[in-house]
Amino acid sequence: METEKEILTVIGADSWMMKVLQAAEMLELSDWWICAGFVRSKVWDVLHGYDARTSLGDIDVIYYDDENVDEEQEKKFEHQLNQNMPGLPWSVKNQARMHQVNNLPQYQSSFDAVSQFPETATALGVKIAPGGQLELMAPHGLVDLLDIRVRPTPAFEKDERLMKVYKKRLESKKWSQKWPKVEVALPKEKL
């Protein structure tokens, strides 16, 4: 796997992933995507030759609606998803309010929010575009994802407070236990 097209082909051929994407699409959210581990885990599973899917801690559905930033609305969307596909770890977050949680300047779009996720290899999203084709968002490109490399996004790398969050994520996620080929690319003095 070496290209965006190949990633989208692999996702499109995965009937479970397509059902998850279709469930999210039915919510008709503005600027919606399924992000982070949903895409990264699939790609890393394929690159490791795994037949079984690595379990996900959550399925991150994001959207951007600056006219309704009520967290209760997100819970309603999660409830709808659980009705449609029960038993999955749905997490729905409106990126128009998440800057407050992360103590950052307000995001301007879902793309802006994803660009400020902790790691470049998780700063990803996929959705079903209006024409029915899959669309991939990767603000920092696909090199780290395809090279199975974990590195902080520029937003995290330049902020000492955020680098502490990044370090805790490295410790808690245990990516190299799930995917032995994972390389953590970070100068030691930053840890």
N, C-alpha and C. Protein backbone atom coordinates (compact mmCIF):
# COMPACT_ATOMS: atom_id res chain seq x y z
N MET A 1 0.85 -1.17 0.00
CA MET A 1 0.00 0.00 0.00
C MET A 1 0.90 1.23 0.00
N GLU A 2 0.69 2.09 -1.01
CA GLU A 2 1.59 3.23 -1.15
C GLU A 2 0.89 4.54 -1.48
N THR A 3 -0.40 4.51 -1.79
CA THR A 3 -1.07 5.73 -2.26
C THR A 3 -2.42 5.93 -1.58
N GLU A 4 -2.92 7.14 -1.70
CA GLU A 4 -4.26 7.46 -1.19
C GLU A 4 -5.30 6.57 -1.86
N LYS A 5 -5.16 6.36 -3.16
CA LYS A 5 -6.11 5.53 -3.89
C LYS A 5 -6.14 4.11 -3.32
N GLU A 6 -4.97 3.57 -3.00
CA GLU A 6 -4.91 2.22 -2.43
C GLU A 6 -5.56 2.18 -1.04
N ILE A 7 -5.36 3.21 -0.24
CA ILE A 7 -6.00 3.28 1.08
C ILE A 7 -7.51 3.29 0.91
N LEU A 8 -8.01 4.12 0.01
CA LEU A 8 -9.46 4.20 -0.20
C LEU A 8 -10.02 2.90 -0.76
N THR A 9 -9.25 2.21 -1.58
CA THR A 9 -9.68 0.92 -2.12
C THR A 9 -9.82 -0.11 -1.00
N VAL A 10 -8.84 -0.13 -0.09
CA VAL A 10 -8.86 -1.08 1.03
C VAL A 10 -10.06 -0.78 1.94
N ILE A 11 -10.31 0.50 2.23
CA ILE A 11 -11.45 0.86 3.06
C ILE A 11 -12.75 0.49 2.35
N GLY A 12 -12.84 0.82 1.07
CA GLY A 12 -14.05 0.52 0.30
C GLY A 12 -14.36 -0.96 0.20
N ALA A 13 -13.33 -1.79 0.27
CA ALA A 13 -13.52 -3.24 0.19
C ALA A 13 -13.87 -3.87 1.54
N ASP A 14 -13.79 -3.08 2.61
CA ASP A 14 -14.08 -3.57 3.95
C ASP A 14 -15.55 -3.29 4.27
N SER A 15 -16.38 -4.32 4.22
CA SER A 15 -17.83 -4.13 4.37
C SER A 15 -18.19 -3.54 5.73
N TRP A 16 -17.47 -3.92 6.79
CA TRP A 16 -17.76 -3.35 8.11
C TRP A 16 -17.46 -1.85 8.13
N MET A 17 -16.31 -1.45 7.59
CA MET A 17 -15.97 -0.03 7.56
C MET A 17 -16.99 0.76 6.74
N MET A 18 -17.44 0.19 5.66
CA MET A 18 -18.43 0.88 4.82
C MET A 18 -19.76 1.02 5.57
N LYS A 19 -20.16 0.02 6.34
CA LYS A 19 -21.39 0.13 7.13
C LYS A 19 -21.25 1.23 8.18
N VAL A 20 -20.08 1.33 8.80
CA VAL A 20 -19.82 2.39 9.78
C VAL A 20 -19.90 3.75 9.11
N LEU A 21 -19.27 3.88 7.96
CA LEU A 21 -19.31 5.15 7.22
C LEU A 21 -20.74 5.50 6.80
N GLN A 22 -21.50 4.53 6.35
CA GLN A 22 -22.88 4.78 5.95
C GLN A 22 -23.74 5.19 7.13
N ALA A 23 -23.49 4.61 8.29
CA ALA A 23 -24.23 4.99 9.49
C ALA A 23 -23.96 6.45 9.83
N ALA A 24 -22.69 6.86 9.76
CA ALA A 24 -22.33 8.26 10.04
C ALA A 24 -22.92 9.19 8.99
N GLU A 25 -22.87 8.77 7.75
CA GLU A 25 -23.41 9.59 6.66
C GLU A 25 -24.90 9.88 6.87
N MET A 26 -25.64 8.92 7.41
CA MET A 26 -27.08 9.10 7.60
C MET A 26 -27.42 10.21 8.60
N LEU A 27 -26.47 10.60 9.43
CA LEU A 27 -26.71 11.69 10.37
C LEU A 27 -26.80 13.05 9.66
N GLU A 28 -26.26 13.11 8.43
CA GLU A 28 -26.27 14.34 7.63
C GLU A 28 -25.63 15.52 8.38
N LEU A 29 -24.49 15.26 8.99
CA LEU A 29 -23.76 16.29 9.72
C LEU A 29 -22.97 17.17 8.77
N SER A 30 -22.78 18.41 9.15
CA SER A 30 -21.98 19.31 8.32
C SER A 30 -20.49 19.03 8.54
N ASP A 31 -19.75 18.99 7.47
CA ASP A 31 -18.29 18.81 7.51
C ASP A 31 -17.90 17.61 8.37
N TRP A 32 -18.54 16.46 8.12
CA TRP A 32 -18.31 15.27 8.95
C TRP A 32 -17.20 14.39 8.39
N TRP A 33 -16.58 13.64 9.29
CA TRP A 33 -15.52 12.68 8.96
C TRP A 33 -15.47 11.62 10.05
N ILE A 34 -14.99 10.45 9.72
CA ILE A 34 -14.59 9.49 10.75
C ILE A 34 -13.06 9.50 10.75
N CYS A 35 -12.51 9.72 11.92
CA CYS A 35 -11.10 10.09 12.02
C CYS A 35 -10.24 9.10 12.78
N ALA A 36 -9.00 9.44 12.77
CA ALA A 36 -7.95 8.88 13.63
C ALA A 36 -7.78 7.37 13.47
N GLY A 37 -7.96 6.63 14.56
CA GLY A 37 -7.69 5.20 14.57
C GLY A 37 -8.51 4.39 13.59
N PHE A 38 -9.67 4.87 13.21
CA PHE A 38 -10.51 4.17 12.25
C PHE A 38 -9.74 3.94 10.94
N VAL A 39 -9.03 4.98 10.51
CA VAL A 39 -8.24 4.89 9.28
C VAL A 39 -6.87 4.29 9.57
N ARG A 40 -6.19 4.87 10.56
CA ARG A 40 -4.82 4.43 10.87
C ARG A 40 -4.74 2.94 11.16
N SER A 41 -5.65 2.44 11.98
CA SER A 41 -5.60 1.02 12.36
C SER A 41 -5.78 0.11 11.15
N LYS A 42 -6.68 0.48 10.26
CA LYS A 42 -6.89 -0.34 9.06
C LYS A 42 -5.61 -0.39 8.22
N VAL A 43 -5.02 0.77 8.01
CA VAL A 43 -3.80 0.83 7.19
C VAL A 43 -2.67 0.05 7.86
N TRP A 44 -2.47 0.24 9.14
CA TRP A 44 -1.39 -0.46 9.83
C TRP A 44 -1.66 -1.96 9.91
N ASP A 45 -2.92 -2.36 10.06
CA ASP A 45 -3.24 -3.79 10.03
C ASP A 45 -2.85 -4.40 8.68
N VAL A 46 -3.20 -3.72 7.61
CA VAL A 46 -2.86 -4.22 6.27
C VAL A 46 -1.34 -4.27 6.09
N LEU A 47 -0.65 -3.21 6.50
CA LEU A 47 0.81 -3.17 6.35
C LEU A 47 1.52 -4.21 7.22
N HIS A 48 0.86 -4.68 8.27
CA HIS A 48 1.42 -5.74 9.11
C HIS A 48 0.97 -7.13 8.66
N GLY A 49 0.10 -7.19 7.66
CA GLY A 49 -0.38 -8.48 7.16
C GLY A 49 -1.38 -9.15 8.07
N TYR A 50 -2.05 -8.39 8.93
CA TYR A 50 -3.02 -8.97 9.86
C TYR A 50 -4.30 -9.35 9.11
N ASP A 51 -4.83 -10.51 9.45
CA ASP A 51 -6.13 -10.92 8.92
C ASP A 51 -7.26 -10.38 9.78
N ALA A 52 -7.05 -10.35 11.09
CA ALA A 52 -8.07 -9.87 12.02
C ALA A 52 -7.90 -8.37 12.25
N ARG A 53 -9.00 -7.70 12.44
CA ARG A 53 -9.01 -6.26 12.69
C ARG A 53 -8.52 -5.98 14.11
N THR A 54 -7.65 -5.02 14.29
CA THR A 54 -7.25 -4.57 15.61
C THR A 54 -8.43 -3.79 16.20
N SER A 55 -8.78 -4.10 17.44
CA SER A 55 -9.95 -3.44 18.03
C SER A 55 -9.68 -1.94 18.22
N LEU A 56 -10.76 -1.19 18.13
CA LEU A 56 -10.70 0.26 18.26
C LEU A 56 -11.22 0.68 19.63
N GLY A 57 -10.53 1.62 20.25
CA GLY A 57 -11.01 2.17 21.52
C GLY A 57 -12.27 2.99 21.32
N ASP A 58 -12.36 3.63 20.16
CA ASP A 58 -13.56 4.39 19.81
C ASP A 58 -13.61 4.61 18.31
N ILE A 59 -14.77 4.98 17.85
CA ILE A 59 -14.96 5.37 16.45
C ILE A 59 -15.26 6.85 16.48
N ASP A 60 -14.27 7.65 16.09
CA ASP A 60 -14.34 9.10 16.19
C ASP A 60 -15.06 9.72 15.00
N VAL A 61 -16.31 10.10 15.22
CA VAL A 61 -17.08 10.83 14.21
C VAL A 61 -16.99 12.30 14.60
N ILE A 62 -16.47 13.10 13.69
CA ILE A 62 -16.38 14.53 13.97
C ILE A 62 -17.21 15.29 12.94
N TYR A 63 -17.58 16.50 13.32
CA TYR A 63 -18.29 17.39 12.40
C TYR A 63 -18.03 18.82 12.85
N TYR A 64 -18.48 19.78 12.05
CA TYR A 64 -18.27 21.18 12.40
C TYR A 64 -19.58 21.94 12.23
N ASP A 65 -20.13 22.41 13.35
CA ASP A 65 -21.37 23.18 13.35
C ASP A 65 -21.24 24.26 14.42
N ASP A 66 -20.87 25.47 14.00
CA ASP A 66 -20.66 26.54 14.97
C ASP A 66 -21.97 27.21 15.41
N GLU A 67 -23.09 26.75 14.89
CA GLU A 67 -24.39 27.30 15.29
C GLU A 67 -25.03 26.51 16.43
N ASN A 68 -24.57 25.29 16.67
CA ASN A 68 -25.10 24.50 17.77
C ASN A 68 -23.94 23.72 18.41
N VAL A 69 -23.37 24.32 19.44
CA VAL A 69 -22.21 23.71 20.10
C VAL A 69 -22.59 23.03 21.42
N ASP A 70 -23.83 22.67 21.55
CA ASP A 70 -24.33 22.00 22.74
C ASP A 70 -23.84 20.55 22.75
N GLU A 71 -23.12 20.18 23.79
CA GLU A 71 -22.58 18.83 23.90
C GLU A 71 -23.69 17.78 23.91
N GLU A 72 -24.87 18.16 24.39
CA GLU A 72 -26.00 17.22 24.40
C GLU A 72 -26.37 16.78 22.99
N GLN A 73 -26.19 17.66 22.02
CA GLN A 73 -26.48 17.30 20.63
C GLN A 73 -25.57 16.16 20.17
N GLU A 74 -24.32 16.21 20.59
CA GLU A 74 -23.38 15.14 20.25
C GLU A 74 -23.86 13.81 20.83
N LYS A 75 -24.36 13.84 22.05
CA LYS A 75 -24.87 12.62 22.70
C LYS A 75 -26.08 12.07 21.94
N LYS A 76 -26.91 12.96 21.41
CA LYS A 76 -28.07 12.52 20.61
C LYS A 76 -27.59 11.81 19.35
N PHE A 77 -26.55 12.35 18.72
CA PHE A 77 -26.00 11.70 17.52
C PHE A 77 -25.41 10.34 17.88
N GLU A 78 -24.70 10.26 19.00
CA GLU A 78 -24.16 8.96 19.44
C GLU A 78 -25.29 7.95 19.67
N HIS A 79 -26.38 8.43 20.27
CA HIS A 79 -27.54 7.55 20.51
C HIS A 79 -28.10 7.03 19.18
N GLN A 80 -28.21 7.92 18.19
CA GLN A 80 -28.70 7.49 16.88
C GLN A 80 -27.78 6.43 16.27
N LEU A 81 -26.49 6.65 16.37
CA LEU A 81 -25.53 5.67 15.83
C LEU A 81 -25.65 4.34 16.57
N ASN A 82 -25.81 4.41 17.88
CA ASN A 82 -25.96 3.18 18.67
C ASN A 82 -27.26 2.45 18.33
N GLN A 83 -28.28 3.17 17.94
CA GLN A 83 -29.52 2.54 17.51
C GLN A 83 -29.31 1.81 16.19
N ASN A 84 -28.53 2.44 15.31
CA ASN A 84 -28.29 1.89 13.98
C ASN A 84 -27.28 0.74 14.02
N MET A 85 -26.20 0.93 14.74
CA MET A 85 -25.15 -0.08 14.86
C MET A 85 -24.76 -0.21 16.33
N PRO A 86 -25.54 -0.97 17.10
CA PRO A 86 -25.28 -1.08 18.55
C PRO A 86 -23.99 -1.82 18.85
N GLY A 87 -23.46 -1.51 20.03
CA GLY A 87 -22.29 -2.22 20.52
C GLY A 87 -20.96 -1.67 20.05
N LEU A 88 -20.99 -0.61 19.26
CA LEU A 88 -19.73 -0.02 18.80
C LEU A 88 -19.38 1.17 19.68
N PRO A 89 -18.08 1.46 19.83
CA PRO A 89 -17.65 2.56 20.71
C PRO A 89 -17.72 3.93 20.01
N TRP A 90 -18.93 4.37 19.71
CA TRP A 90 -19.12 5.64 19.01
C TRP A 90 -18.71 6.82 19.87
N SER A 91 -18.06 7.78 19.26
CA SER A 91 -17.72 9.05 19.90
C SER A 91 -17.96 10.14 18.87
N VAL A 92 -18.91 11.03 19.15
CA VAL A 92 -19.24 12.10 18.22
C VAL A 92 -18.86 13.42 18.86
N LYS A 93 -18.08 14.22 18.15
CA LYS A 93 -17.62 15.50 18.69
C LYS A 93 -17.72 16.60 17.64
N ASN A 94 -18.35 17.70 18.05
CA ASN A 94 -18.45 18.89 17.22
C ASN A 94 -17.15 19.68 17.37
N GLN A 95 -16.39 19.79 16.31
CA GLN A 95 -15.09 20.47 16.37
C GLN A 95 -15.21 21.97 16.57
N ALA A 96 -16.41 22.51 16.44
CA ALA A 96 -16.63 23.93 16.69
C ALA A 96 -16.51 24.25 18.18
N ARG A 97 -16.54 23.23 19.04
CA ARG A 97 -16.39 23.47 20.48
C ARG A 97 -15.15 22.80 21.08
N MET A 98 -14.52 21.91 20.35
CA MET A 98 -13.44 21.13 20.92
C MET A 98 -12.18 21.94 21.23
N HIS A 99 -12.03 23.10 20.62
CA HIS A 99 -10.88 23.94 20.96
C HIS A 99 -10.90 24.31 22.44
N GLN A 100 -12.11 24.44 23.02
CA GLN A 100 -12.23 24.78 24.45
C GLN A 100 -11.70 23.63 25.31
N VAL A 101 -12.04 22.43 24.94
CA VAL A 101 -11.58 21.24 25.67
C VAL A 101 -10.06 21.16 25.60
N ASN A 102 -9.51 21.48 24.43
CA ASN A 102 -8.07 21.37 24.21
C ASN A 102 -7.30 22.65 24.53
N ASN A 103 -8.01 23.69 24.97
CA ASN A 103 -7.39 24.97 25.33
C ASN A 103 -6.54 25.54 24.18
N LEU A 104 -7.16 25.57 22.99
CA LEU A 104 -6.50 26.07 21.79
C LEU A 104 -7.38 27.14 21.15
N PRO A 105 -6.85 27.91 20.21
CA PRO A 105 -7.70 28.85 19.48
C PRO A 105 -8.81 28.11 18.73
N GLN A 106 -9.91 28.79 18.50
CA GLN A 106 -11.06 28.13 17.86
C GLN A 106 -10.69 27.58 16.49
N TYR A 107 -11.12 26.33 16.25
CA TYR A 107 -10.93 25.71 14.95
C TYR A 107 -11.89 26.35 13.96
N GLN A 108 -11.49 26.39 12.70
CA GLN A 108 -12.32 27.01 11.67
C GLN A 108 -13.10 25.99 10.84
N SER A 109 -12.73 24.72 10.96
CA SER A 109 -13.36 23.66 10.18
C SER A 109 -12.90 22.32 10.76
N SER A 110 -13.47 21.25 10.26
CA SER A 110 -13.00 19.93 10.67
C SER A 110 -11.56 19.71 10.23
N PHE A 111 -11.21 20.16 9.02
CA PHE A 111 -9.84 20.03 8.53
C PHE A 111 -8.87 20.73 9.49
N ASP A 112 -9.22 21.94 9.91
CA ASP A 112 -8.38 22.69 10.83
C ASP A 112 -8.21 21.91 12.14
N ALA A 113 -9.29 21.35 12.65
CA ALA A 113 -9.23 20.58 13.89
C ALA A 113 -8.35 19.35 13.74
N VAL A 114 -8.56 18.61 12.67
CA VAL A 114 -7.78 17.39 12.44
C VAL A 114 -6.29 17.72 12.27
N SER A 115 -6.00 18.85 11.66
CA SER A 115 -4.59 19.23 11.49
C SER A 115 -3.90 19.44 12.82
N GLN A 116 -4.68 19.62 13.87
CA GLN A 116 -4.13 19.86 15.20
C GLN A 116 -4.32 18.66 16.14
N PHE A 117 -4.61 17.49 15.57
CA PHE A 117 -4.61 16.26 16.36
C PHE A 117 -3.18 16.01 16.83
N PRO A 118 -2.97 15.13 17.80
CA PRO A 118 -1.62 14.93 18.35
C PRO A 118 -0.58 14.36 17.40
N GLU A 119 -0.92 13.32 16.62
CA GLU A 119 0.07 12.65 15.77
C GLU A 119 -0.30 12.78 14.30
N THR A 120 0.72 12.90 13.47
CA THR A 120 0.47 12.99 12.03
C THR A 120 -0.20 11.74 11.49
N ALA A 121 0.13 10.58 12.03
CA ALA A 121 -0.43 9.32 11.52
C ALA A 121 -1.87 9.10 11.98
N THR A 122 -2.35 9.92 12.92
CA THR A 122 -3.76 9.84 13.32
C THR A 122 -4.53 11.08 12.88
N ALA A 123 -3.85 12.04 12.33
CA ALA A 123 -4.51 13.25 11.82
C ALA A 123 -5.07 12.94 10.44
N LEU A 124 -6.12 12.12 10.45
CA LEU A 124 -6.71 11.58 9.22
C LEU A 124 -8.22 11.55 9.36
N GLY A 125 -8.88 11.55 8.24
CA GLY A 125 -10.32 11.34 8.24
C GLY A 125 -10.76 10.75 6.92
N VAL A 126 -11.87 10.04 6.97
CA VAL A 126 -12.47 9.48 5.76
C VAL A 126 -13.97 9.70 5.85
N LYS A 127 -14.60 9.91 4.70
CA LYS A 127 -16.05 10.05 4.66
C LYS A 127 -16.55 9.65 3.28
N ILE A 128 -17.85 9.52 3.21
CA ILE A 128 -18.50 9.32 1.92
C ILE A 128 -18.86 10.70 1.42
N ALA A 129 -18.28 11.10 0.30
CA ALA A 129 -18.53 12.42 -0.27
C ALA A 129 -19.92 12.46 -0.92
N PRO A 130 -20.43 13.66 -1.20
CA PRO A 130 -21.77 13.77 -1.79
C PRO A 130 -22.00 12.91 -3.04
N GLY A 131 -21.01 12.68 -3.85
CA GLY A 131 -21.17 11.84 -5.04
C GLY A 131 -21.15 10.35 -4.76
N GLY A 132 -20.93 9.96 -3.50
CA GLY A 132 -20.92 8.56 -3.14
C GLY A 132 -19.55 7.93 -3.06
N GLN A 133 -18.51 8.63 -3.51
CA GLN A 133 -17.16 8.08 -3.45
C GLN A 133 -16.54 8.40 -2.09
N LEU A 134 -15.56 7.61 -1.70
CA LEU A 134 -14.84 7.87 -0.46
C LEU A 134 -13.87 9.02 -0.66
N GLU A 135 -13.71 9.80 0.40
CA GLU A 135 -12.78 10.93 0.38
C GLU A 135 -11.89 10.82 1.62
N LEU A 136 -10.60 11.03 1.44
CA LEU A 136 -9.64 10.95 2.53
C LEU A 136 -9.10 12.34 2.82
N MET A 137 -8.98 12.67 4.10
CA MET A 137 -8.40 13.93 4.54
C MET A 137 -7.13 13.59 5.32
N ALA A 138 -6.02 14.19 4.93
CA ALA A 138 -4.75 13.96 5.62
C ALA A 138 -3.95 15.27 5.61
N PRO A 139 -4.24 16.18 6.55
CA PRO A 139 -3.59 17.49 6.55
C PRO A 139 -2.06 17.45 6.56
N HIS A 140 -1.48 16.38 7.08
CA HIS A 140 -0.02 16.28 7.14
C HIS A 140 0.52 15.23 6.17
N GLY A 141 -0.32 14.86 5.21
CA GLY A 141 0.10 13.89 4.22
C GLY A 141 0.00 12.46 4.74
N LEU A 142 0.49 11.53 3.94
CA LEU A 142 0.35 10.11 4.24
C LEU A 142 1.67 9.40 4.52
N VAL A 143 2.77 10.12 4.45
CA VAL A 143 4.09 9.49 4.60
C VAL A 143 4.22 8.78 5.93
N ASP A 144 3.91 9.46 7.04
CA ASP A 144 4.07 8.83 8.36
C ASP A 144 3.12 7.65 8.52
N LEU A 145 1.89 7.79 8.05
CA LEU A 145 0.94 6.68 8.11
C LEU A 145 1.49 5.47 7.37
N LEU A 146 1.92 5.67 6.15
CA LEU A 146 2.38 4.55 5.32
C LEU A 146 3.75 4.02 5.74
N ASP A 147 4.55 4.86 6.38
CA ASP A 147 5.84 4.40 6.92
C ASP A 147 5.71 3.84 8.34
N ILE A 148 4.48 3.80 8.85
CA ILE A 148 4.17 3.29 10.19
C ILE A 148 4.99 4.04 11.24
N ARG A 149 4.93 5.34 11.15
CA ARG A 149 5.72 6.21 12.01
C ARG A 149 4.79 7.12 12.83
N VAL A 150 5.12 7.26 14.10
CA VAL A 150 4.38 8.16 14.98
C VAL A 150 5.27 9.37 15.24
N ARG A 151 4.73 10.54 14.92
CA ARG A 151 5.44 11.79 15.22
C ARG A 151 4.39 12.84 15.55
N PRO A 152 4.74 13.82 16.35
CA PRO A 152 3.76 14.85 16.70
C PRO A 152 3.45 15.76 15.51
N THR A 153 2.23 16.25 15.48
CA THR A 153 1.89 17.26 14.48
C THR A 153 2.60 18.56 14.86
N PRO A 154 2.76 19.49 13.94
CA PRO A 154 3.41 20.76 14.27
C PRO A 154 2.76 21.48 15.45
N ALA A 155 1.43 21.42 15.55
CA ALA A 155 0.73 22.08 16.67
C ALA A 155 1.20 21.53 18.02
N PHE A 156 1.44 20.24 18.09
CA PHE A 156 1.89 19.63 19.35
C PHE A 156 3.38 19.81 19.55
N GLU A 157 4.14 19.70 18.49
CA GLU A 157 5.60 19.77 18.60
C GLU A 157 6.08 21.13 19.11
N LYS A 158 5.37 22.19 18.76
CA LYS A 158 5.83 23.53 19.14
C LYS A 158 5.32 23.98 20.51
N ASP A 159 4.51 23.16 21.18
CA ASP A 159 3.90 23.56 22.44
C ASP A 159 4.30 22.58 23.54
N GLU A 160 5.05 23.06 24.52
CA GLU A 160 5.56 22.19 25.59
C GLU A 160 4.41 21.50 26.34
N ARG A 161 3.34 22.22 26.60
CA ARG A 161 2.18 21.63 27.29
C ARG A 161 1.60 20.49 26.48
N LEU A 162 1.45 20.70 25.18
CA LEU A 162 0.88 19.66 24.32
C LEU A 162 1.84 18.48 24.15
N MET A 163 3.14 18.74 24.20
CA MET A 163 4.10 17.63 24.10
C MET A 163 3.98 16.70 25.31
N LYS A 164 3.59 17.23 26.46
CA LYS A 164 3.35 16.36 27.62
C LYS A 164 2.15 15.46 27.36
N VAL A 165 1.13 16.00 26.72
CA VAL A 165 -0.05 15.21 26.33
C VAL A 165 0.37 14.13 25.34
N TYR A 166 1.19 14.53 24.37
CA TYR A 166 1.69 13.60 23.36
C TYR A 166 2.44 12.44 24.02
N LYS A 167 3.33 12.76 24.96
CA LYS A 167 4.11 11.73 25.65
C LYS A 167 3.19 10.77 26.39
N LYS A 168 2.18 11.29 27.07
CA LYS A 168 1.24 10.42 27.78
C LYS A 168 0.50 9.51 26.81
N ARG A 169 0.15 10.05 25.64
CA ARG A 169 -0.51 9.22 24.63
C ARG A 169 0.41 8.10 24.16
N LEU A 170 1.67 8.39 23.95
CA LEU A 170 2.63 7.36 23.54
C LEU A 170 2.67 6.23 24.57
N GLU A 171 2.65 6.60 25.83
CA GLU A 171 2.70 5.60 26.90
C GLU A 171 1.42 4.79 26.97
N SER A 172 0.28 5.45 26.84
CA SER A 172 -1.00 4.77 27.04
C SER A 172 -1.47 3.98 25.82
N LYS A 173 -1.16 4.43 24.63
CA LYS A 173 -1.67 3.78 23.42
C LYS A 173 -0.98 2.45 23.12
N LYS A 174 0.28 2.33 23.51
CA LYS A 174 1.04 1.08 23.31
C LYS A 174 0.96 0.57 21.86
N TRP A 175 1.14 1.50 20.93
CA TRP A 175 1.03 1.15 19.51
C TRP A 175 2.03 0.08 19.10
N SER A 176 3.25 0.13 19.64
CA SER A 176 4.26 -0.85 19.20
C SER A 176 3.93 -2.26 19.67
N GLN A 177 3.08 -2.40 20.68
CA GLN A 177 2.64 -3.74 21.08
C GLN A 177 1.61 -4.28 20.09
N LYS A 178 0.79 -3.41 19.54
CA LYS A 178 -0.22 -3.83 18.57
C LYS A 178 0.39 -4.00 17.18
N TRP A 179 1.30 -3.07 16.85
CA TRP A 179 1.94 -3.07 15.53
C TRP A 179 3.45 -2.97 15.73
N PRO A 180 4.17 -4.08 15.74
CA PRO A 180 5.60 -4.08 16.05
C PRO A 180 6.47 -3.23 15.13
N LYS A 181 5.99 -2.94 13.94
CA LYS A 181 6.80 -2.14 13.00
C LYS A 181 6.72 -0.65 13.27
N VAL A 182 5.93 -0.22 14.26
CA VAL A 182 5.78 1.20 14.56
C VAL A 182 7.11 1.80 14.96
N GLU A 183 7.41 2.94 14.36
CA GLU A 183 8.60 3.72 14.70
C GLU A 183 8.13 5.03 15.32
N VAL A 184 8.64 5.36 16.47
CA VAL A 184 8.35 6.66 17.10
C VAL A 184 9.46 7.61 16.72
N ALA A 185 9.12 8.61 15.94
CA ALA A 185 10.11 9.58 15.45
C ALA A 185 9.98 10.87 16.23
N LEU A 186 10.86 11.01 17.21
CA LEU A 186 10.83 12.20 18.06
C LEU A 186 12.17 12.36 18.74
N PRO A 187 12.76 13.53 18.69
CA PRO A 187 14.01 13.73 19.41
C PRO A 187 13.82 13.44 20.89
N LYS A 188 14.73 12.71 21.50
CA LYS A 188 14.59 12.32 22.91
C LYS A 188 14.46 13.50 23.84
N GLU A 189 15.11 14.60 23.53
CA GLU A 189 15.04 15.77 24.43
C GLU A 189 13.63 16.36 24.49
N LYS A 190 12.77 16.03 23.51
CA LYS A 190 11.40 16.53 23.52
C LYS A 190 10.52 15.72 24.45
N LEU A 191 10.92 14.50 24.77
CA LEU A 191 10.15 13.66 25.68
C LEU A 191 10.43 14.07 27.10
